[in-house]
C-alpha atoms as a PDB file:
ATOM      1  CA  MET A   1      43.934  96.335 149.114  1.00  0.00           C
ATOM      2  CA  ASP A   2      43.965  96.672 152.888  1.00  0.00           C
ATOM      3  CA  ILE A   3      44.173  99.920 154.761  1.00  0.00           C
ATOM      4  CA  ARG A   4      44.684  99.835 158.455  1.00  0.00           C
ATOM      5  CA  ILE A   5      45.638 102.233 161.214  1.00  0.00           C
ATOM      6  CA  VAL A   6      49.334 101.961 162.337  1.00  0.00           C
ATOM      7  CA  THR A   7      50.010 100.440 165.744  1.00  0.00           C
ATOM      8  CA  GLN A   8      53.098  99.825 167.693  1.00  0.00           C
ATOM      9  CA  GLU A   9      52.989  96.367 166.019  1.00  0.00           C
ATOM     10  CA  ASN A  10      53.258  97.659 162.450  1.00  0.00           C
ATOM     11  CA  LEU A  11      55.013 100.877 162.673  1.00  0.00           C
ATOM     12  CA  LYS A  12      58.236  99.643 161.340  1.00  0.00           C
ATOM     13  CA  GLU A  13      56.368  98.674 158.004  1.00  0.00           C
ATOM     14  CA  VAL A  14      55.955 102.511 157.366  1.00  0.00           C
ATOM     15  CA  VAL A  15      59.466 103.378 157.808  1.00  0.00           C
ATOM     16  CA  PRO A  16      60.736 102.563 154.264  1.00  0.00           C
ATOM     17  CA  LEU A  17      57.645 104.267 152.781  1.00  0.00           C
ATOM     18  CA  PHE A  18      58.387 107.386 154.890  1.00  0.00           C
ATOM     19  CA  ASN A  19      61.943 107.442 153.821  1.00  0.00           C
ATOM     20  CA  ALA A  20      61.069 107.126 150.292  1.00  0.00           C
ATOM     21  CA  TYR A  21      58.578 109.982 150.638  1.00  0.00           C
ATOM     22  CA  ARG A  22      61.148 112.127 152.166  1.00  0.00           C
ATOM     23  CA  GLU A  23      63.602 111.194 149.392  1.00  0.00           C
ATOM     24  CA  PHE A  24      60.800 112.084 146.824  1.00  0.00           C
ATOM     25  CA  TYR A  25      61.131 115.730 148.184  1.00  0.00           C
ATOM     26  CA  GLY A  26      64.837 115.759 147.711  1.00  0.00           C
ATOM     27  CA  GLN A  27      66.035 114.872 151.366  1.00  0.00           C
ATOM     28  CA  PRO A  28      68.779 112.237 151.915  1.00  0.00           C
ATOM     29  CA  SER A  29      67.945 108.632 152.878  1.00  0.00           C
ATOM     30  CA  ASP A  30      67.794 108.230 156.615  1.00  0.00           C
ATOM     31  CA  LEU A  31      65.891 105.123 157.832  1.00  0.00           C
ATOM     32  CA  ALA A  32      67.087 105.418 161.476  1.00  0.00           C
ATOM     33  CA  GLY A  33      65.990 108.958 161.459  1.00  0.00           C
ATOM     34  CA  ALA A  34      62.533 108.038 159.890  1.00  0.00           C
ATOM     35  CA  GLU A  35      62.179 105.456 162.374  1.00  0.00           C
ATOM     36  CA  GLN A  36      62.713 107.593 165.125  1.00  0.00           C
ATOM     37  CA  PHE A  37      60.651 110.467 163.829  1.00  0.00           C
ATOM     38  CA  LEU A  38      57.511 108.106 163.397  1.00  0.00           C
ATOM     39  CA  THR A  39      58.228 106.418 166.659  1.00  0.00           C
ATOM     40  CA  GLU A  40      58.159 109.843 168.520  1.00  0.00           C
ATOM     41  CA  ARG A  41      54.957 110.811 166.669  1.00  0.00           C
ATOM     42  CA  PHE A  42      53.319 107.548 167.455  1.00  0.00           C
ATOM     43  CA  THR A  43      54.590 107.468 171.283  1.00  0.00           C
ATOM     44  CA  ASN A  44      53.499 111.055 171.994  1.00  0.00           C
ATOM     45  CA  ARG A  45      50.116 110.491 170.075  1.00  0.00           C
ATOM     46  CA  GLU A  46      50.948 113.418 167.709  1.00  0.00           C
ATOM     47  CA  SER A  47      49.858 111.703 164.512  1.00  0.00           C
ATOM     48  CA  ILE A  48      47.437 109.002 163.034  1.00  0.00           C
ATOM     49  CA  ILE A  49      49.036 106.892 160.244  1.00  0.00           C
ATOM     50  CA  PHE A  50      47.075 104.642 157.984  1.00  0.00           C
ATOM     51  CA  LEU A  51      49.133 102.171 155.879  1.00  0.00           C
ATOM     52  CA  ALA A  52      48.031 100.573 152.522  1.00  0.00           C
ATOM     53  CA  SER A  53      48.857  97.150 151.485  1.00  0.00           C
ATOM     54  CA  ILE A  54      48.244  95.175 148.566  1.00  0.00           C
ATOM     55  CA  HIS A  55      48.840  91.262 148.674  1.00  0.00           C
ATOM     56  CA  GLU A  56      50.264  92.031 152.188  1.00  0.00           C
ATOM     57  CA  GLN A  57      53.003  94.376 150.664  1.00  0.00           C
ATOM     58  CA  PRO A  58      52.943  97.974 152.199  1.00  0.00           C
ATOM     59  CA  VAL A  59      52.424 100.314 149.368  1.00  0.00           C
ATOM     60  CA  GLY A  60      51.397 103.569 150.584  1.00  0.00           C
ATOM     61  CA  PHE A  61      50.712 105.721 153.730  1.00  0.00           C
ATOM     62  CA  VAL A  62      48.936 108.708 155.050  1.00  0.00           C
ATOM     63  CA  GLN A  63      49.710 110.686 158.051  1.00  0.00           C
ATOM     64  CA  LEU A  64      47.325 112.931 159.856  1.00  0.00           C
ATOM     65  CA  TYR A  65      48.428 115.496 162.330  1.00  0.00           C
ATOM     66  CA  PRO A  66      45.628 116.660 164.868  1.00  0.00           C
ATOM     67  CA  SER A  67      44.852 120.233 165.262  1.00  0.00           C
ATOM     68  CA  PHE A  68      41.832 122.269 166.528  1.00  0.00           C
ATOM     69  CA  SER A  69      39.199 124.890 165.095  1.00  0.00           C
ATOM     70  CA  SER A  70      38.660 127.178 168.096  1.00  0.00           C
ATOM     71  CA  VAL A  71      35.857 129.095 166.392  1.00  0.00           C
ATOM     72  CA  ALA A  72      34.077 125.827 165.927  1.00  0.00           C
ATOM     73  CA  MET A  73      35.389 124.233 169.103  1.00  0.00           C
ATOM     74  CA  LYS A  74      36.131 121.006 167.246  1.00  0.00           C
ATOM     75  CA  LYS A  75      38.987 118.801 166.211  1.00  0.00           C
ATOM     76  CA  ALA A  76      40.648 119.370 162.775  1.00  0.00           C
ATOM     77  CA  PHE A  77      43.289 117.421 160.989  1.00  0.00           C
ATOM     78  CA  ILE A  78      46.104 118.372 158.600  1.00  0.00           C
ATOM     79  CA  LEU A  79      46.743 115.686 155.976  1.00  0.00           C
ATOM     80  CA  ASN A  80      50.525 116.192 156.076  1.00  0.00           C
ATOM     81  CA  ASP A  81      52.008 113.216 154.260  1.00  0.00           C
ATOM     82  CA  LEU A  82      50.526 111.141 151.530  1.00  0.00           C
ATOM     83  CA  PHE A  83      52.942 108.726 149.643  1.00  0.00           C
ATOM     84  CA  VAL A  84      52.366 105.730 147.198  1.00  0.00           C
ATOM     85  CA  THR A  85      55.146 103.531 145.831  1.00  0.00           C
ATOM     86  CA  ALA A  86      55.591 104.036 142.109  1.00  0.00           C
ATOM     87  CA  GLN A  87      54.445 100.397 141.270  1.00  0.00           C
ATOM     88  CA  ALA A  88      51.329 100.956 143.060  1.00  0.00           C
ATOM     89  CA  ARG A  89      50.281 104.283 141.521  1.00  0.00           C
ATOM     90  CA  GLN A  90      47.313 104.500 139.395  1.00  0.00           C
ATOM     91  CA  GLN A  91      45.526 101.889 141.366  1.00  0.00           C
ATOM     92  CA  GLY A  92      43.409 103.858 143.610  1.00  0.00           C
ATOM     93  CA  VAL A  93      45.726 103.636 146.741  1.00  0.00           C
ATOM     94  CA  ALA A  94      45.986 107.389 147.294  1.00  0.00           C
ATOM     95  CA  LYS A  95      42.339 107.749 146.752  1.00  0.00           C
ATOM     96  CA  SER A  96      41.518 104.987 149.257  1.00  0.00           C
ATOM     97  CA  LEU A  97      43.803 106.317 151.843  1.00  0.00           C
ATOM     98  CA  ILE A  98      42.238 109.861 151.747  1.00  0.00           C
ATOM     99  CA  GLU A  99      38.835 108.110 151.908  1.00  0.00           C
ATOM    100  CA  ARG A 100      39.991 106.366 154.955  1.00  0.00           C
ATOM    101  CA  CYS A 101      41.039 109.715 156.230  1.00  0.00           C
ATOM    102  CA  TYR A 102      37.695 111.397 155.705  1.00  0.00           C
ATOM    103  CA  VAL A 103      36.013 108.493 157.715  1.00  0.00           C
ATOM    104  CA  TYR A 104      38.390 108.820 160.466  1.00  0.00           C
ATOM    105  CA  CYS A 105      37.617 112.462 160.713  1.00  0.00           C
ATOM    106  CA  GLU A 106      33.934 111.888 160.513  1.00  0.00           C
ATOM    107  CA  GLU A 107      34.322 109.447 163.412  1.00  0.00           C
ATOM    108  CA  GLN A 108      36.289 112.122 165.449  1.00  0.00           C
ATOM    109  CA  ASN A 109      33.615 114.675 164.664  1.00  0.00           C
ATOM    110  CA  ALA A 110      36.196 117.024 163.180  1.00  0.00           C
ATOM    111  CA  ARG A 111      35.378 120.363 161.668  1.00  0.00           C
ATOM    112  CA  TYR A 112      37.646 119.870 158.581  1.00  0.00           C
ATOM    113  CA  ILE A 113      40.653 118.109 157.058  1.00  0.00           C
ATOM    114  CA  THR A 114      43.283 120.425 155.321  1.00  0.00           C
ATOM    115  CA  LEU A 115      46.383 120.010 153.407  1.00  0.00           C
ATOM    116  CA  GLU A 116      48.952 121.838 151.144  1.00  0.00           C
ATOM    117  CA  THR A 117      50.467 120.881 147.979  1.00  0.00           C
ATOM    118  CA  ALA A 118      52.789 122.495 145.694  1.00  0.00           C
ATOM    119  CA  VAL A 119      51.410 124.624 142.990  1.00  0.00           C
ATOM    120  CA  ASP A 120      53.185 122.462 140.293  1.00  0.00           C
ATOM    121  CA  ASN A 121      51.832 119.224 141.645  1.00  0.00           C
ATOM    122  CA  LYS A 122      49.024 118.745 139.049  1.00  0.00           C
ATOM    123  CA  ASN A 123      48.258 115.143 139.645  1.00  0.00           C
ATOM    124  CA  ALA A 124      47.767 115.618 143.232  1.00  0.00           C
ATOM    125  CA  GLN A 125      45.645 118.555 142.717  1.00  0.00           C
ATOM    126  CA  ARG A 126      43.489 116.589 140.248  1.00  0.00           C
ATOM    127  CA  LEU A 127      43.158 113.814 142.843  1.00  0.00           C
ATOM    128  CA  TYR A 128      42.184 116.320 145.666  1.00  0.00           C
ATOM    129  CA  GLU A 129      39.659 117.901 143.626  1.00  0.00           C
ATOM    130  CA  GLN A 130      38.118 114.457 142.654  1.00  0.00           C
ATOM    131  CA  MET A 131      37.878 113.881 146.403  1.00  0.00           C
ATOM    132  CA  GLU A 132      35.895 116.887 146.836  1.00  0.00           C
ATOM    133  CA  MET A 133      38.452 119.105 148.266  1.00  0.00           C
ATOM    134  CA  GLN A 134      38.425 122.654 147.421  1.00  0.00           C
ATOM    135  CA  VAL A 135      41.102 125.578 147.268  1.00  0.00           C
ATOM    136  CA  ASP A 136      40.214 127.831 150.173  1.00  0.00           C
ATOM    137  CA  THR A 137      40.600 131.296 148.559  1.00  0.00           C
ATOM    138  CA  THR A 138      39.223 133.034 151.709  1.00  0.00           C
ATOM    139  CA  VAL A 139      42.275 133.095 153.737  1.00  0.00           C
ATOM    140  CA  LEU A 140      46.140 133.321 153.257  1.00  0.00           C
ATOM    141  CA  HIS A 141      48.520 131.224 154.605  1.00  0.00           C
ATOM    142  CA  TYR A 142      51.641 132.894 156.133  1.00  0.00           C
ATOM    143  CA  SER A 143      54.860 130.752 157.125  1.00  0.00           C
ATOM    144  CA  LYS A 144      58.173 131.540 158.626  1.00  0.00           C
ATOM    145  CA  TYR A 145      60.979 128.800 158.074  1.00  0.00           C
ATOM    146  CA  TRP A 146      64.065 128.094 159.995  1.00  0.00           C
END
C-alpha cells in the first residue's frame, strides 16, 4: 500500500473516491462538483488530503482541515473525510490513512486531531478507539445548519 499527500498532479485521482464518499452519505453523484470542491480546497490551501493506493489503484483517502487551539496557541486538525472503497476494506487502509494523519499532525506540532462520526457507525467507532482516539465527554458540541 502506498499513501501519499495529494498534489496538483494527482488531485484528480481523489475525485471519484470523494464522489463515492458523498454518495455513501446519501448525496447524488456529482463528479464535476466534487472536482471543483477539491480543487478549491487545494488551491486555497484549506485542506490536506492523503491518498491510499494498492497496486497503483486509488482505494481510499482522508481529508484534514486545519484549525487552531487558541488556548494552546497551536495548530489543530479536523479529520473530516475518510473513505475506503468496498473492495479495499478490512485491509488496513483506513488505519494506515489515520496513522499518516497522526504523523502529519505531529510534524506540524499540532495540539490535537479531532473528528466526528455518527452514533450508529459502530465500525468506525471501533477503529477510532483502536487508534487511541477517545470520546471527549468534557465538552458539548453545538451546531446550526442551513
